[in-house]
C-alpha atoms as a PDB file:
ATOM      1  CA  MET A   1       0.000   0.000   0.000  1.00  0.00           C
ATOM      2  CA  SER A   2       1.407   3.374  -1.015  1.00  0.00           C
ATOM      3  CA  ALA A   3       2.089   6.126   1.533  1.00  0.00           C
ATOM      4  CA  ALA A   4      -0.525   8.359  -0.125  1.00  0.00           C
ATOM      5  CA  LYS A   5      -3.222   5.721   0.141  1.00  0.00           C
ATOM      6  CA  SER A   6      -2.293   4.863   3.741  1.00  0.00           C
ATOM      7  CA  GLU A   7      -2.582   8.540   4.643  1.00  0.00           C
ATOM      8  CA  ARG A   8      -5.930   8.832   2.858  1.00  0.00           C
ATOM      9  CA  LEU A   9      -7.357   5.790   4.675  1.00  0.00           C
ATOM     10  CA  LEU A  10      -6.120   7.065   8.019  1.00  0.00           C
ATOM     11  CA  ASN A  11      -7.678  10.477   7.394  1.00  0.00           C
ATOM     12  CA  LEU A  12     -10.956   8.796   6.457  1.00  0.00           C
ATOM     13  CA  VAL A  13     -10.901   6.773   9.689  1.00  0.00           C
ATOM     14  CA  ILE A  14     -10.250   9.917  11.731  1.00  0.00           C
ATOM     15  CA  LEU A  15     -13.034  11.820  10.002  1.00  0.00           C
ATOM     16  CA  LEU A  16     -15.637   9.073  10.470  1.00  0.00           C
ATOM     17  CA  LEU A  17     -14.535   8.279  14.014  1.00  0.00           C
ATOM     18  CA  VAL A  18     -14.741  11.802  15.441  1.00  0.00           C
ATOM     19  CA  ALA A  19     -18.019  12.729  13.719  1.00  0.00           C
ATOM     20  CA  ARG A  20     -20.933  12.486  16.155  1.00  0.00           C
ATOM     21  CA  ASN A  21     -23.445  11.779  13.378  1.00  0.00           C
ATOM     22  CA  TYR A  22     -23.427  10.143   9.970  1.00  0.00           C
ATOM     23  CA  THR A  23     -21.303  11.994   7.409  1.00  0.00           C
ATOM     24  CA  THR A  24     -22.568  12.076   3.850  1.00  0.00           C
ATOM     25  CA  LYS A  25     -20.533  11.111   0.839  1.00  0.00           C
ATOM     26  CA  ASP A  26     -20.574  14.704  -0.427  1.00  0.00           C
ATOM     27  CA  GLN A  27     -19.357  16.012   2.930  1.00  0.00           C
ATOM     28  CA  ILE A  28     -16.529  13.478   2.969  1.00  0.00           C
ATOM     29  CA  ARG A  29     -15.504  14.524  -0.507  1.00  0.00           C
ATOM     30  CA  ALA A  30     -15.529  18.211   0.401  1.00  0.00           C
ATOM     31  CA  LEU A  31     -13.418  17.627   3.537  1.00  0.00           C
ATOM     32  CA  MET A  32     -10.709  15.371   2.127  1.00  0.00           C
ATOM     33  CA  GLU A  33      -8.295  16.824  -0.408  1.00  0.00           C
ATOM     34  CA  PRO A  34      -7.601  13.651  -2.450  1.00  0.00           C
ATOM     35  CA  TYR A  35     -11.337  13.214  -3.017  1.00  0.00           C
ATOM     36  CA  ARG A  36     -12.037  16.888  -3.562  1.00  0.00           C
ATOM     37  CA  ASP A  37      -9.458  17.191  -6.322  1.00  0.00           C
ATOM     38  CA  SER A  38     -10.737  14.160  -8.269  1.00  0.00           C
ATOM     39  CA  SER A  39     -13.393  13.987 -10.974  1.00  0.00           C
ATOM     40  CA  ASP A  40     -16.800  12.586 -10.068  1.00  0.00           C
ATOM     41  CA  GLU A  41     -16.035   9.240 -11.649  1.00  0.00           C
ATOM     42  CA  ALA A  42     -12.554   8.995 -10.086  1.00  0.00           C
ATOM     43  CA  PHE A  43     -13.932   9.949  -6.673  1.00  0.00           C
ATOM     44  CA  ASP A  44     -16.651   7.286  -6.823  1.00  0.00           C
ATOM     45  CA  ARG A  45     -14.128   4.588  -7.716  1.00  0.00           C
ATOM     46  CA  MET A  46     -11.625   5.743  -5.066  1.00  0.00           C
ATOM     47  CA  PHE A  47     -14.219   6.029  -2.310  1.00  0.00           C
ATOM     48  CA  GLU A  48     -15.689   2.588  -3.024  1.00  0.00           C
ATOM     49  CA  ARG A  49     -12.224   1.003  -2.953  1.00  0.00           C
ATOM     50  CA  ASP A  50     -11.361   2.807   0.275  1.00  0.00           C
ATOM     51  CA  LYS A  51     -14.547   1.569   1.939  1.00  0.00           C
ATOM     52  CA  ASP A  52     -13.739  -1.991   0.883  1.00  0.00           C
ATOM     53  CA  ASP A  53     -10.170  -1.623   2.176  1.00  0.00           C
ATOM     54  CA  LEU A  54     -11.332  -0.365   5.563  1.00  0.00           C
ATOM     55  CA  ARG A  55     -13.745  -3.256   5.927  1.00  0.00           C
ATOM     56  CA  ALA A  56     -11.006  -5.695   4.848  1.00  0.00           C
ATOM     57  CA  LEU A  57      -8.827  -4.272   7.610  1.00  0.00           C
ATOM     58  CA  GLY A  58     -11.569  -5.040  10.110  1.00  0.00           C
ATOM     59  CA  ILE A  59     -12.674  -1.436  10.624  1.00  0.00           C
ATOM     60  CA  PRO A  60     -16.452  -1.389  11.214  1.00  0.00           C
ATOM     61  CA  LEU A  61     -17.795   1.121   8.701  1.00  0.00           C
ATOM     62  CA  GLU A  62     -21.444   1.757   9.513  1.00  0.00           C
ATOM     63  CA  VAL A  63     -24.006   3.042   7.008  1.00  0.00           C
ATOM     64  CA  GLY A  64     -27.105   4.957   8.123  1.00  0.00           C
ATOM     65  CA  TYR A  65     -29.323   7.923   7.456  1.00  0.00           C
ATOM     66  CA  VAL A  66     -28.333  11.474   8.382  1.00  0.00           C
ATOM     67  CA  ASP A  67     -31.884  12.257   9.509  1.00  0.00           C
ATOM     68  CA  LYS A  68     -33.504   9.362  11.308  1.00  0.00           C
ATOM     69  CA  PHE A  69     -36.963  10.754  10.563  1.00  0.00           C
ATOM     70  CA  PHE A  70     -36.366  11.169   6.837  1.00  0.00           C
ATOM     71  CA  GLU A  71     -34.481   8.257   5.314  1.00  0.00           C
ATOM     72  CA  ASP A  72     -33.457  10.137   2.204  1.00  0.00           C
ATOM     73  CA  GLU A  73     -29.768  10.923   2.749  1.00  0.00           C
ATOM     74  CA  GLN A  74     -27.264   8.187   3.505  1.00  0.00           C
ATOM     75  CA  GLY A  75     -24.073   8.708   5.508  1.00  0.00           C
ATOM     76  CA  TYR A  76     -21.162   6.872   7.126  1.00  0.00           C
ATOM     77  CA  ARG A  77     -19.565   6.646  10.561  1.00  0.00           C
ATOM     78  CA  ILE A  78     -17.353   4.430  12.727  1.00  0.00           C
ATOM     79  CA  LYS A  79     -18.759   3.623  16.158  1.00  0.00           C
ATOM     80  CA  ARG A  80     -16.246   3.807  18.959  1.00  0.00           C
ATOM     81  CA  ASP A  81     -17.451   0.711  20.823  1.00  0.00           C
ATOM     82  CA  ALA A  82     -17.131  -1.372  17.661  1.00  0.00           C
ATOM     83  CA  PHE A  83     -13.746   0.117  16.787  1.00  0.00           C
ATOM     84  CA  GLU A  84     -12.073  -0.524  20.155  1.00  0.00           C
ATOM     85  CA  LEU A  85      -9.772  -3.503  20.332  1.00  0.00           C
ATOM     86  CA  PRO A  86     -10.070  -6.191  23.001  1.00  0.00           C
ATOM     87  CA  GLU A  87      -7.231  -6.584  25.478  1.00  0.00           C
ATOM     88  CA  ILE A  88      -4.115  -7.870  23.721  1.00  0.00           C
ATOM     89  CA  ASP A  89      -0.933  -9.309  25.193  1.00  0.00           C
ATOM     90  CA  PHE A  90       2.308  -8.268  23.491  1.00  0.00           C
ATOM     91  CA  THR A  91       5.836  -9.569  23.781  1.00  0.00           C
ATOM     92  CA  ALA A  92       8.548  -7.209  25.079  1.00  0.00           C
ATOM     93  CA  ASP A  93       9.855  -6.615  21.537  1.00  0.00           C
ATOM     94  CA  GLU A  94       6.365  -5.872  20.215  1.00  0.00           C
ATOM     95  CA  VAL A  95       5.756  -3.396  23.043  1.00  0.00           C
ATOM     96  CA  ALA A  96       9.035  -1.660  22.221  1.00  0.00           C
ATOM     97  CA  VAL A  97       8.052  -1.269  18.547  1.00  0.00           C
ATOM     98  CA  LEU A  98       4.607   0.031  19.469  1.00  0.00           C
ATOM     99  CA  GLY A  99       6.173   2.432  21.939  1.00  0.00           C
ATOM    100  CA  LEU A 100       8.313   3.922  19.187  1.00  0.00           C
ATOM    101  CA  ALA A 101       5.274   4.171  16.917  1.00  0.00           C
ATOM    102  CA  ALA A 102       3.411   6.014  19.644  1.00  0.00           C
ATOM    103  CA  ARG A 103       6.223   8.515  20.026  1.00  0.00           C
ATOM    104  CA  VAL A 104       6.377   9.062  16.274  1.00  0.00           C
ATOM    105  CA  TRP A 105       2.619   9.639  16.227  1.00  0.00           C
ATOM    106  CA  ARG A 106       2.758  12.170  19.025  1.00  0.00           C
ATOM    107  CA  HIS A 107       5.859  14.057  18.022  1.00  0.00           C
ATOM    108  CA  ALA A 108       6.254  13.953  14.231  1.00  0.00           C
ATOM    109  CA  GLY A 109       3.889  16.816  13.501  1.00  0.00           C
ATOM    110  CA  LEU A 110       0.679  14.778  13.243  1.00  0.00           C
ATOM    111  CA  ALA A 111      -0.923  16.801  16.023  1.00  0.00           C
ATOM    112  CA  ALA A 112      -0.879  19.956  13.874  1.00  0.00           C
ATOM    113  CA  ALA A 113      -2.291  18.133  10.837  1.00  0.00           C
ATOM    114  CA  THR A 114      -5.070  16.649  12.943  1.00  0.00           C
ATOM    115  CA  SER A 115      -5.946  20.058  14.357  1.00  0.00           C
ATOM    116  CA  ASP A 116      -6.299  21.417  10.810  1.00  0.00           C
ATOM    117  CA  ALA A 117      -8.642  18.549   9.960  1.00  0.00           C
ATOM    118  CA  LEU A 118     -10.841  19.271  12.969  1.00  0.00           C
ATOM    119  CA  VAL A 119     -11.033  22.936  12.026  1.00  0.00           C
ATOM    120  CA  LYS A 120     -12.324  21.897   8.595  1.00  0.00           C
ATOM    121  CA  LEU A 121     -14.944  19.653  10.184  1.00  0.00           C
ATOM    122  CA  LYS A 122     -16.151  22.508  12.323  1.00  0.00           C
ATOM    123  CA  ALA A 123     -16.206  24.908   9.365  1.00  0.00           C
ATOM    124  CA  ALA A 124     -18.357  22.423   7.458  1.00  0.00           C
ATOM    125  CA  GLY A 125     -20.941  22.553  10.237  1.00  0.00           C
ATOM    126  CA  LEU A 126     -20.286  19.027  11.507  1.00  0.00           C
ATOM    127  CA  SER A 127     -20.097  18.262  15.213  1.00  0.00           C
ATOM    128  CA  PHE A 128     -17.252  16.056  16.351  1.00  0.00           C
ATOM    129  CA  ASP A 129     -15.789  14.417  19.441  1.00  0.00           C
ATOM    130  CA  ARG A 130     -12.064  15.220  19.846  1.00  0.00           C
ATOM    131  CA  GLU A 131     -11.587  12.453  22.434  1.00  0.00           C
ATOM    132  CA  GLN A 132     -12.428   9.804  19.856  1.00  0.00           C
ATOM    133  CA  LEU A 133      -8.980  10.366  18.334  1.00  0.00           C
ATOM    134  CA  ASP A 134      -7.485   8.513  21.285  1.00  0.00           C
ATOM    135  CA  GLN A 135      -8.828   5.340  19.688  1.00  0.00           C
ATOM    136  CA  VAL A 136      -6.625   5.839  16.647  1.00  0.00           C
ATOM    137  CA  ALA A 137      -3.405   6.935  18.329  1.00  0.00           C
ATOM    138  CA  PRO A 138      -1.240   4.257  19.969  1.00  0.00           C
ATOM    139  CA  ALA A 139      -1.325   4.492  23.749  1.00  0.00           C
ATOM    140  CA  LEU A 140       2.178   3.204  24.452  1.00  0.00           C
ATOM    141  CA  ALA A 141       5.169   5.484  24.828  1.00  0.00           C
ATOM    142  CA  ALA A 142       8.716   5.603  26.060  1.00  0.00           C
ATOM    143  CA  GLU A 143       8.801   7.372  29.398  1.00  0.00           C
ATOM    144  CA  GLU A 144      12.483   8.337  29.588  1.00  0.00           C
ATOM    145  CA  PRO A 145      12.698  12.145  29.983  1.00  0.00           C
ATOM    146  CA  ALA A 146      15.523  12.288  27.429  1.00  0.00           C
ATOM    147  CA  PHE A 147      13.522  10.583  24.678  1.00  0.00           C
ATOM    148  CA  GLU A 148      11.868  13.616  23.101  1.00  0.00           C
ATOM    149  CA  ALA A 149      14.961  15.815  23.076  1.00  0.00           C
ATOM    150  CA  MET A 150      17.124  13.000  21.705  1.00  0.00           C
ATOM    151  CA  TRP A 151      14.537  12.153  19.068  1.00  0.00           C
ATOM    152  CA  GLN A 152      14.369  15.761  17.905  1.00  0.00           C
ATOM    153  CA  ALA A 153      18.168  15.979  17.800  1.00  0.00           C
ATOM    154  CA  THR A 154      18.217  12.864  15.621  1.00  0.00           C
ATOM    155  CA  VAL A 155      15.613  14.242  13.239  1.00  0.00           C
ATOM    156  CA  HIS A 156      17.339  17.619  12.890  1.00  0.00           C
ATOM    157  CA  ARG A 157      20.906  16.257  12.981  1.00  0.00           C
ATOM    158  CA  THR A 158      21.866  18.398  15.969  1.00  0.00           C
ATOM    159  CA  PRO A 159      24.947  17.465  18.053  1.00  0.00           C
ATOM    160  CA  VAL A 160      24.157  17.162  21.760  1.00  0.00           C
ATOM    161  CA  ARG A 161      25.808  16.931  25.152  1.00  0.00           C
ATOM    162  CA  PHE A 162      24.483  15.286  28.288  1.00  0.00           C
ATOM    163  CA  ASP A 163      25.583  13.834  31.613  1.00  0.00           C
ATOM    164  CA  TYR A 164      25.624  10.053  31.670  1.00  0.00           C
ATOM    165  CA  THR A 165      26.094   7.499  34.446  1.00  0.00           C
ATOM    166  CA  ARG A 166      27.371   4.080  33.450  1.00  0.00           C
ATOM    167  CA  ALA A 167      26.199   0.880  35.089  1.00  0.00           C
ATOM    168  CA  ASN A 168      27.803   0.208  38.479  1.00  0.00           C
ATOM    169  CA  GLU A 169      29.175   3.764  38.632  1.00  0.00           C
ATOM    170  CA  VAL A 170      28.058   6.614  40.862  1.00  0.00           C
ATOM    171  CA  GLU A 171      29.664   9.626  39.201  1.00  0.00           C
ATOM    172  CA  SER A 172      28.299  10.882  35.885  1.00  0.00           C
ATOM    173  CA  ARG A 173      30.372  12.201  32.998  1.00  0.00           C
ATOM    174  CA  THR A 174      29.525  14.649  30.240  1.00  0.00           C
ATOM    175  CA  ARG A 175      29.234  13.031  26.825  1.00  0.00           C
ATOM    176  CA  HIS A 176      29.216  14.651  23.384  1.00  0.00           C
ATOM    177  CA  LEU A 177      27.298  12.879  20.651  1.00  0.00           C
ATOM    178  CA  GLN A 178      26.123  13.212  17.073  1.00  0.00           C
ATOM    179  CA  PRO A 179      22.906  11.143  17.396  1.00  0.00           C
ATOM    180  CA  TRP A 180      22.106   8.914  14.437  1.00  0.00           C
ATOM    181  CA  GLY A 181      18.975   7.218  15.727  1.00  0.00           C
ATOM    182  CA  VAL A 182      16.914   6.067  18.708  1.00  0.00           C
ATOM    183  CA  VAL A 183      16.526   2.285  18.952  1.00  0.00           C
ATOM    184  CA  THR A 184      15.432  -0.446  21.334  1.00  0.00           C
ATOM    185  CA  ALA A 185      17.563  -3.304  22.566  1.00  0.00           C
ATOM    186  CA  GLN A 186      16.785  -5.842  25.285  1.00  0.00           C
ATOM    187  CA  GLY A 187      13.628  -3.927  26.178  1.00  0.00           C
ATOM    188  CA  ARG A 188      15.469  -0.620  26.731  1.00  0.00           C
ATOM    189  CA  TRP A 189      15.678   2.639  24.771  1.00  0.00           C
ATOM    190  CA  TYR A 190      19.093   3.707  23.459  1.00  0.00           C
ATOM    191  CA  VAL A 191      20.517   6.445  21.286  1.00  0.00           C
ATOM    192  CA  VAL A 192      23.173   5.440  18.756  1.00  0.00           C
ATOM    193  CA  GLY A 193      25.611   7.906  17.252  1.00  0.00           C
ATOM    194  CA  LEU A 194      29.148   9.181  16.932  1.00  0.00           C
ATOM    195  CA  ASP A 195      30.809   9.831  20.288  1.00  0.00           C
ATOM    196  CA  THR A 196      32.951  12.809  19.295  1.00  0.00           C
ATOM    197  CA  ASP A 197      35.171  12.472  22.375  1.00  0.00           C
ATOM    198  CA  ARG A 198      36.192   8.969  21.353  1.00  0.00           C
ATOM    199  CA  GLY A 199      35.789   9.336  17.602  1.00  0.00           C
ATOM    200  CA  GLU A 200      33.760   6.143  17.218  1.00  0.00           C
ATOM    201  CA  PRO A 201      30.125   4.961  17.295  1.00  0.00           C
ATOM    202  CA  ARG A 202      28.676   4.429  20.748  1.00  0.00           C
ATOM    203  CA  MET A 203      25.288   3.598  22.230  1.00  0.00           C
ATOM    204  CA  PHE A 204      23.827   5.195  25.363  1.00  0.00           C
ATOM    205  CA  ARG A 205      20.863   4.006  27.387  1.00  0.00           C
ATOM    206  CA  LEU A 206      18.358   6.860  27.709  1.00  0.00           C
ATOM    207  CA  SER A 207      17.379   6.006  31.288  1.00  0.00           C
ATOM    208  CA  ARG A 208      20.994   6.614  32.386  1.00  0.00           C
ATOM    209  CA  ILE A 209      21.047  10.195  31.105  1.00  0.00           C
ATOM    210  CA  VAL A 210      20.925  12.225  34.317  1.00  0.00           C
ATOM    211  CA  SER A 211      20.738  15.744  32.869  1.00  0.00           C
ATOM    212  CA  GLY A 212      18.922  17.610  30.165  1.00  0.00           C
ATOM    213  CA  VAL A 213      19.945  17.010  26.555  1.00  0.00           C
ATOM    214  CA  ALA A 214      21.510  20.252  25.314  1.00  0.00           C
ATOM    215  CA  ALA A 215      22.386  21.252  21.767  1.00  0.00           C
ATOM    216  CA  ASP A 216      26.140  21.174  21.200  1.00  0.00           C
ATOM    217  CA  GLY A 217      26.218  22.577  17.683  1.00  0.00           C
ATOM    218  CA  ASP A 218      24.050  23.705  14.807  1.00  0.00           C
ATOM    219  CA  SER A 219      21.184  21.720  13.302  1.00  0.00           C
ATOM    220  CA  GLY A 220      22.204  19.920  10.125  1.00  0.00           C
ATOM    221  CA  SER A 221      25.891  20.165  10.998  1.00  0.00           C
ATOM    222  CA  TYR A 222      26.609  16.454  10.452  1.00  0.00           C
ATOM    223  CA  THR A 223      25.384  13.550   8.342  1.00  0.00           C
ATOM    224  CA  VAL A 224      24.919   9.887   9.133  1.00  0.00           C
ATOM    225  CA  PRO A 225      27.493   7.802   7.226  1.00  0.00           C
ATOM    226  CA  GLU A 226      25.990   6.340   4.074  1.00  0.00           C
ATOM    227  CA  GLY A 227      24.961   2.707   4.425  1.00  0.00           C
ATOM    228  CA  THR A 228      24.698   2.834   8.237  1.00  0.00           C
ATOM    229  CA  ASP A 229      22.435   0.034   9.505  1.00  0.00           C
ATOM    230  CA  LEU A 230      21.265   1.251  12.906  1.00  0.00           C
ATOM    231  CA  ARG A 231      19.789  -2.089  13.917  1.00  0.00           C
ATOM    232  CA  ALA A 232      22.948  -4.023  13.089  1.00  0.00           C
ATOM    233  CA  LEU A 233      25.097  -1.341  14.724  1.00  0.00           C
ATOM    234  CA  SER A 234      23.028  -1.339  17.899  1.00  0.00           C
ATOM    235  CA  GLU A 235      23.227  -5.125  18.105  1.00  0.00           C
ATOM    236  CA  SER A 236      27.007  -4.967  17.836  1.00  0.00           C
ATOM    237  CA  LEU A 237      27.187  -2.290  20.547  1.00  0.00           C
ATOM    238  CA  THR A 238      24.629  -3.816  22.925  1.00  0.00           C
ATOM    239  CA  PRO A 239      26.292  -5.143  26.070  1.00  0.00           C
ATOM    240  CA  ARG A 240      26.003  -8.908  26.257  1.00  0.00           C
ATOM    241  CA  ARG A 241      23.749 -10.377  28.899  1.00  0.00           C
ATOM    242  CA  PRO A 242      25.556 -12.211  31.724  1.00  0.00           C
ATOM    243  CA  ASP A 243      25.604 -15.881  30.769  1.00  0.00           C
ATOM    244  CA  ARG A 244      27.565 -17.365  33.661  1.00  0.00           C
ATOM    245  CA  THR A 245      27.756 -17.100  37.437  1.00  0.00           C
ATOM    246  CA  ALA A 246      30.709 -16.961  39.821  1.00  0.00           C
ATOM    247  CA  VAL A 247      30.735 -17.935  43.482  1.00  0.00           C
ATOM    248  CA  VAL A 248      32.660 -15.259  45.374  1.00  0.00           C
ATOM    249  CA  LEU A 249      33.365 -14.853  49.090  1.00  0.00           C
ATOM    250  CA  ALA A 250      33.270 -11.245  50.290  1.00  0.00           C
ATOM    251  CA  ARG A 251      34.178  -9.641  53.600  1.00  0.00           C
ATOM    252  CA  PRO A 252      31.169  -8.219  55.488  1.00  0.00           C
ATOM    253  CA  GLY A 253      30.423  -4.657  54.397  1.00  0.00           C
ATOM    254  CA  ALA A 254      32.860  -4.792  51.477  1.00  0.00           C
ATOM    255  CA  ALA A 255      32.533  -5.210  47.683  1.00  0.00           C
ATOM    256  CA  ASN A 256      29.361  -3.170  47.420  1.00  0.00           C
ATOM    257  CA  GLY A 257      29.707  -2.953  43.647  1.00  0.00           C
ATOM    258  CA  LEU A 258      29.443  -6.727  43.407  1.00  0.00           C
ATOM    259  CA  ARG A 259      26.627  -6.917  45.906  1.00  0.00           C
ATOM    260  CA  ARG A 260      24.429  -4.606  43.827  1.00  0.00           C
ATOM    261  CA  ARG A 261      24.084  -7.283  41.126  1.00  0.00           C
ATOM    262  CA  ALA A 262      24.758 -10.406  43.206  1.00  0.00           C
ATOM    263  CA  GLU A 263      22.597 -12.772  45.205  1.00  0.00           C
ATOM    264  CA  VAL A 264      23.741 -13.607  48.718  1.00  0.00           C
ATOM    265  CA  SER A 265      23.630 -17.415  48.929  1.00  0.00           C
ATOM    266  CA  ALA A 266      25.120 -17.779  52.422  1.00  0.00           C
ATOM    267  CA  THR A 267      26.202 -15.617  55.376  1.00  0.00           C
ATOM    268  CA  GLY A 268      28.542 -16.189  58.296  1.00  0.00           C
ATOM    269  CA  VAL A 269      30.888 -18.196  56.099  1.00  0.00           C
ATOM    270  CA  THR A 270      34.461 -18.909  57.161  1.00  0.00           C
ATOM    271  CA  GLY A 271      36.775 -16.863  54.972  1.00  0.00           C
ATOM    272  CA  PRO A 272      40.181 -17.810  53.577  1.00  0.00           C
ATOM    273  CA  ASP A 273      41.795 -16.024  56.528  1.00  0.00           C
ATOM    274  CA  GLY A 274      40.000 -18.326  58.969  1.00  0.00           C
ATOM    275  CA  THR A 275      37.605 -15.676  60.297  1.00  0.00           C
ATOM    276  CA  LEU A 276      33.816 -15.957  60.322  1.00  0.00           C
ATOM    277  CA  GLY A 277      31.352 -13.478  58.901  1.00  0.00           C
ATOM    278  CA  TRP A 278      32.161 -13.625  55.201  1.00  0.00           C
ATOM    279  CA  ASP A 279      29.293 -13.695  52.701  1.00  0.00           C
ATOM    280  CA  GLU A 280      28.951 -16.072  49.790  1.00  0.00           C
ATOM    281  CA  LEU A 281      27.779 -14.239  46.641  1.00  0.00           C
ATOM    282  CA  GLN A 282      26.415 -15.582  43.372  1.00  0.00           C
ATOM    283  CA  VAL A 283      27.624 -12.968  40.842  1.00  0.00           C
ATOM    284  CA  PRO A 284      26.549 -13.030  37.163  1.00  0.00           C
ATOM    285  CA  TYR A 285      29.179 -11.921  34.646  1.00  0.00           C
ATOM    286  CA  VAL A 286      29.885 -11.847  30.918  1.00  0.00           C
ATOM    287  CA  SER A 287      33.609 -11.755  30.188  1.00  0.00           C
ATOM    288  CA  GLU A 288      36.037 -13.798  32.227  1.00  0.00           C
ATOM    289  CA  SER A 289      38.875 -11.409  31.458  1.00  0.00           C
ATOM    290  CA  ASP A 290      36.887  -8.257  32.315  1.00  0.00           C
ATOM    291  CA  PHE A 291      35.443  -9.762  35.495  1.00  0.00           C
ATOM    292  CA  ALA A 292      38.875 -10.906  36.671  1.00  0.00           C
ATOM    293  CA  GLY A 293      40.116  -7.332  36.284  1.00  0.00           C
ATOM    294  CA  GLU A 294      37.107  -6.033  38.231  1.00  0.00           C
ATOM    295  CA  LEU A 295      37.731  -8.493  41.076  1.00  0.00           C
ATOM    296  CA  LEU A 296      41.339  -7.371  41.385  1.00  0.00           C
ATOM    297  CA  GLY A 297      40.045  -3.916  42.274  1.00  0.00           C
ATOM    298  CA  TYR A 298      38.597  -5.287  45.504  1.00  0.00           C
ATOM    299  CA  ALA A 299      42.031  -6.594  46.610  1.00  0.00           C
ATOM    300  CA  ASP A 300      41.768  -8.998  49.559  1.00  0.00           C
ATOM    301  CA  ALA A 301      38.095  -8.182  50.228  1.00  0.00           C
ATOM    302  CA  VAL A 302      36.969 -10.927  47.838  1.00  0.00           C
ATOM    303  CA  VAL A 303      38.039 -14.458  46.952  1.00  0.00           C
ATOM    304  CA  VAL A 304      36.816 -16.491  43.995  1.00  0.00           C
ATOM    305  CA  GLU A 305      35.512 -19.937  44.870  1.00  0.00           C
ATOM    306  CA  SER A 306      34.374 -20.952  41.378  1.00  0.00           C
ATOM    307  CA  PRO A 307      34.517 -21.454  38.482  1.00  0.00           C
ATOM    308  CA  ALA A 308      38.073 -22.718  38.346  1.00  0.00           C
ATOM    309  CA  GLU A 309      38.782 -20.829  35.117  1.00  0.00           C
ATOM    310  CA  LEU A 310      37.905 -17.490  36.717  1.00  0.00           C
ATOM    311  CA  ARG A 311      39.896 -18.298  39.837  1.00  0.00           C
ATOM    312  CA  SER A 312      42.885 -19.135  37.617  1.00  0.00           C
ATOM    313  CA  ALA A 313      42.474 -15.889  35.655  1.00  0.00           C
ATOM    314  CA  VAL A 314      42.515 -13.841  38.880  1.00  0.00           C
ATOM    315  CA  SER A 315      45.574 -15.738  40.161  1.00  0.00           C
ATOM    316  CA  SER A 316      47.384 -15.080  36.891  1.00  0.00           C
ATOM    317  CA  ARG A 317      46.583 -11.381  37.101  1.00  0.00           C
ATOM    318  CA  LEU A 318      47.870 -11.249  40.697  1.00  0.00           C
ATOM    319  CA  ALA A 319      51.047 -13.076  39.681  1.00  0.00           C
ATOM    320  CA  GLY A 320      51.573 -10.505  36.952  1.00  0.00           C
ATOM    321  CA  VAL A 321      51.157  -7.638  39.414  1.00  0.00           C
ATOM    322  CA  VAL A 322      53.699  -9.216  41.779  1.00  0.00           C
ATOM    323  CA  ALA A 323      56.186  -9.836  38.964  1.00  0.00           C
ATOM    324  CA  ALA A 324      55.899  -6.241  37.784  1.00  0.00           C
ATOM    325  CA  ASP A 325      56.382  -4.735  41.248  1.00  0.00           C
ATOM    326  CA  PRO A 326      57.765  -7.222  43.799  1.00  0.00           C
ATOM    327  CA  ALA A 327      58.492  -4.515  46.350  1.00  0.00           C
ATOM    328  CA  GLY A 328      54.991  -3.081  46.078  1.00  0.00           C
ATOM    329  CA  ALA A 329      53.458  -6.502  46.603  1.00  0.00           C
ATOM    330  CA  ARG A 330      55.298  -6.837  49.961  1.00  0.00           C
ATOM    331  CA  ARG A 331      54.160  -3.433  51.223  1.00  0.00           C
END
């Protein structure tokens, strides 16, 4: 279906849904530009096809008389109770797509076009119910405060800056980005673009933006590289989900960074130093190498129990530290 026809069908749905009474064929023609600009014969053919298409899509187009006392003028309408959908369950990915569609509906200029259409209805002497439009617009939306500003920056190609807090960090840092697009991944909203501080594409989760999104340059001052596939790029930049779990002993009150994502499986455990009170943590992780480096940052506050490969990786890292600075290791 062409974009022009999709727009025409949507406009016809809006017109017939908001009208309180039956709308005649002549009134519909006068109110909708594609019909108005067609010859009588072309209009009749187009209108009949559009009615058939709406019915094929499951939209209940009702035919009745404009004056219930004088059955001499036929009109059309869409009843709200027949148009409403029953409750539907969506998957997380489907909800994400619908959420984006809802944002596009609300913020891509459709509100102004709809207002113009309602003005025309009023000028034609037809009464209408503005609230009926809620049945056409998607009800889902992304709630992150940064969504709208980031979306607009993407549309207008405006560089931005914002304060961002990474996972497992407390302090935020200012980032500078040329946003290429807003996408979903793993049920979250992200912006993908060129991180101008690092000179390479990066992806930022919108819910971790802790400041306003401010313009950092002129609109239209950059272009998205030709051939960029935002979906493929976002998949390559999406952090992997933890697919393994380590058993780690931690001193009481220590290793808070680990504890935030760990499950405490035992307390009052005897530690490697022979003292009681250690906690046993089940910690999910992705990369053995990265997690080993993270564990080293906790020094003697944590000890890896399993898996053996992770324990070996930590031991190797410690051996490397000792070999590089034997005197420091004794201090």
